[in-house]
Amino acid sequence: MTPVADAIAISVGPDTVLATPPGCVPGMGSVGFNGTTGTKIPVFHPLLTNTAAMLAGVKRQYKRVGREVTALAIAGDGGASD
């Protein structure tokens, strides 16, 4: 990942689930190559339009099995907005 995205993932902790919708974020290394540049946390690739809903469902499932996780979405190629 890029230094900024890596710092964000480290600051939120290891119990994090990351969503990277289509754009430059998945291409900049959230997936990684040969296990060397990717994240060490679960990464999902939802659509831009359902990222929040997908993360809500993932977080709910983790809670259901007894784990508390931080749901984090990183999008950033101008294709996403608040």
C-alpha atoms as a PDB file:
ATOM      1  CA  MET A   1       0.000   0.000   0.000  1.00  0.00           C
ATOM      2  CA  THR A   2       1.005   3.597  -0.213  1.00  0.00           C
ATOM      3  CA  PRO A   3       2.567   5.130   2.895  1.00  0.00           C
ATOM      4  CA  VAL A   4      -0.601   7.107   3.662  1.00  0.00           C
ATOM      5  CA  ALA A   5      -2.965   4.143   3.335  1.00  0.00           C
ATOM      6  CA  ASP A   6      -0.537   1.959   5.265  1.00  0.00           C
ATOM      7  CA  ALA A   7      -0.348   4.503   8.097  1.00  0.00           C
ATOM      8  CA  ILE A   8      -4.148   4.668   8.249  1.00  0.00           C
ATOM      9  CA  ALA A   9      -4.442   0.869   8.431  1.00  0.00           C
ATOM     10  CA  ILE A  10      -1.780   0.689  11.161  1.00  0.00           C
ATOM     11  CA  SER A  11      -3.405   3.453  13.200  1.00  0.00           C
ATOM     12  CA  VAL A  12      -6.814   1.757  13.301  1.00  0.00           C
ATOM     13  CA  GLY A  13      -5.312  -1.548  14.410  1.00  0.00           C
ATOM     14  CA  PRO A  14      -5.143  -5.168  13.320  1.00  0.00           C
ATOM     15  CA  ASP A  15      -8.854  -5.860  13.871  1.00  0.00           C
ATOM     16  CA  THR A  16      -9.802  -3.896  10.786  1.00  0.00           C
ATOM     17  CA  VAL A  17     -11.728  -4.823   7.666  1.00  0.00           C
ATOM     18  CA  LEU A  18     -10.844  -2.704   4.646  1.00  0.00           C
ATOM     19  CA  ALA A  19     -13.081  -1.933   1.670  1.00  0.00           C
ATOM     20  CA  THR A  20     -11.502  -0.521  -1.463  1.00  0.00           C
ATOM     21  CA  PRO A  21     -14.091   0.275  -4.134  1.00  0.00           C
ATOM     22  CA  PRO A  22     -13.045   0.472  -7.795  1.00  0.00           C
ATOM     23  CA  GLY A  23     -10.569   3.202  -8.553  1.00  0.00           C
ATOM     24  CA  CYS A  24      -6.927   3.835  -7.860  1.00  0.00           C
ATOM     25  CA  VAL A  25      -6.874   2.415  -4.313  1.00  0.00           C
ATOM     26  CA  PRO A  26      -7.008  -1.288  -5.239  1.00  0.00           C
ATOM     27  CA  GLY A  27      -4.442  -0.638  -7.932  1.00  0.00           C
ATOM     28  CA  MET A  28      -2.052   1.111  -5.571  1.00  0.00           C
ATOM     29  CA  GLY A  29      -1.422  -1.961  -3.536  1.00  0.00           C
ATOM     30  CA  SER A  30      -4.291  -2.932  -1.245  1.00  0.00           C
ATOM     31  CA  VAL A  31      -4.282  -6.343  -2.910  1.00  0.00           C
ATOM     32  CA  GLY A  32      -0.542  -6.713  -3.300  1.00  0.00           C
ATOM     33  CA  PHE A  33       1.696  -8.849  -5.423  1.00  0.00           C
ATOM     34  CA  ASN A  34       3.245 -12.095  -4.193  1.00  0.00           C
ATOM     35  CA  GLY A  35       2.161 -11.265  -0.649  1.00  0.00           C
ATOM     36  CA  THR A  36       4.738  -8.501  -0.302  1.00  0.00           C
ATOM     37  CA  THR A  37       2.922  -5.219  -0.891  1.00  0.00           C
ATOM     38  CA  GLY A  38      -0.653  -5.977   0.095  1.00  0.00           C
ATOM     39  CA  THR A  39      -2.396  -5.428   3.371  1.00  0.00           C
ATOM     40  CA  LYS A  40      -2.249  -7.819   6.283  1.00  0.00           C
ATOM     41  CA  ILE A  41      -5.948  -7.298   7.008  1.00  0.00           C
ATOM     42  CA  PRO A  42      -9.046  -8.574   5.156  1.00  0.00           C
ATOM     43  CA  VAL A  43      -9.764  -6.533   2.020  1.00  0.00           C
ATOM     44  CA  PHE A  44     -13.064  -6.457   0.137  1.00  0.00           C
ATOM     45  CA  HIS A  45     -13.777  -4.804  -3.213  1.00  0.00           C
ATOM     46  CA  PRO A  46     -17.389  -3.574  -3.236  1.00  0.00           C
ATOM     47  CA  LEU A  47     -19.044  -1.316  -5.767  1.00  0.00           C
ATOM     48  CA  LEU A  48     -18.798   2.430  -5.180  1.00  0.00           C
ATOM     49  CA  THR A  49     -22.532   2.594  -4.522  1.00  0.00           C
ATOM     50  CA  ASN A  50     -22.739  -0.124  -1.876  1.00  0.00           C
ATOM     51  CA  THR A  51     -19.494   0.219   0.080  1.00  0.00           C
ATOM     52  CA  ALA A  52     -21.134   1.402   3.315  1.00  0.00           C
ATOM     53  CA  ALA A  53     -23.861  -1.248   3.178  1.00  0.00           C
ATOM     54  CA  MET A  54     -21.341  -4.006   2.487  1.00  0.00           C
ATOM     55  CA  LEU A  55     -19.132  -2.933   5.391  1.00  0.00           C
ATOM     56  CA  ALA A  56     -22.160  -2.750   7.699  1.00  0.00           C
ATOM     57  CA  GLY A  57     -23.011  -6.339   6.808  1.00  0.00           C
ATOM     58  CA  VAL A  58     -19.420  -7.530   7.245  1.00  0.00           C
ATOM     59  CA  LYS A  59     -19.168  -5.794  10.617  1.00  0.00           C
ATOM     60  CA  ARG A  60     -22.455  -7.338  11.714  1.00  0.00           C
ATOM     61  CA  GLN A  61     -21.274 -10.825  10.757  1.00  0.00           C
ATOM     62  CA  TYR A  62     -18.016 -10.400  12.685  1.00  0.00           C
ATOM     63  CA  LYS A  63     -20.022  -9.216  15.704  1.00  0.00           C
ATOM     64  CA  ARG A  64     -22.287 -12.222  15.335  1.00  0.00           C
ATOM     65  CA  VAL A  65     -19.309 -14.580  15.691  1.00  0.00           C
ATOM     66  CA  GLY A  66     -17.939 -12.637  18.657  1.00  0.00           C
ATOM     67  CA  ARG A  67     -15.326 -10.342  17.109  1.00  0.00           C
ATOM     68  CA  GLU A  68     -15.344  -6.579  17.219  1.00  0.00           C
ATOM     69  CA  VAL A  69     -13.755  -5.057  14.110  1.00  0.00           C
ATOM     70  CA  THR A  70     -13.253  -1.597  12.673  1.00  0.00           C
ATOM     71  CA  ALA A  71     -14.837  -1.180   9.243  1.00  0.00           C
ATOM     72  CA  LEU A  72     -12.740   1.121   7.059  1.00  0.00           C
ATOM     73  CA  ALA A  73     -13.334   2.263   3.482  1.00  0.00           C
ATOM     74  CA  ILE A  74     -10.674   4.000   1.456  1.00  0.00           C
ATOM     75  CA  ALA A  75     -11.675   5.452  -1.910  1.00  0.00           C
ATOM     76  CA  GLY A  76      -9.918   8.174  -3.741  1.00  0.00           C
ATOM     77  CA  ASP A  77      -9.727   8.753  -7.423  1.00  0.00           C
ATOM     78  CA  GLY A  78     -12.379  11.405  -7.659  1.00  0.00           C
ATOM     79  CA  GLY A  79     -15.000   8.738  -8.364  1.00  0.00           C
ATOM     80  CA  ALA A  80     -16.305   8.839  -4.810  1.00  0.00           C
ATOM     81  CA  SER A  81     -17.674  11.587  -2.635  1.00  0.00           C
ATOM     82  CA  ASP A  82     -19.352  11.929   0.751  1.00  0.00           C
END
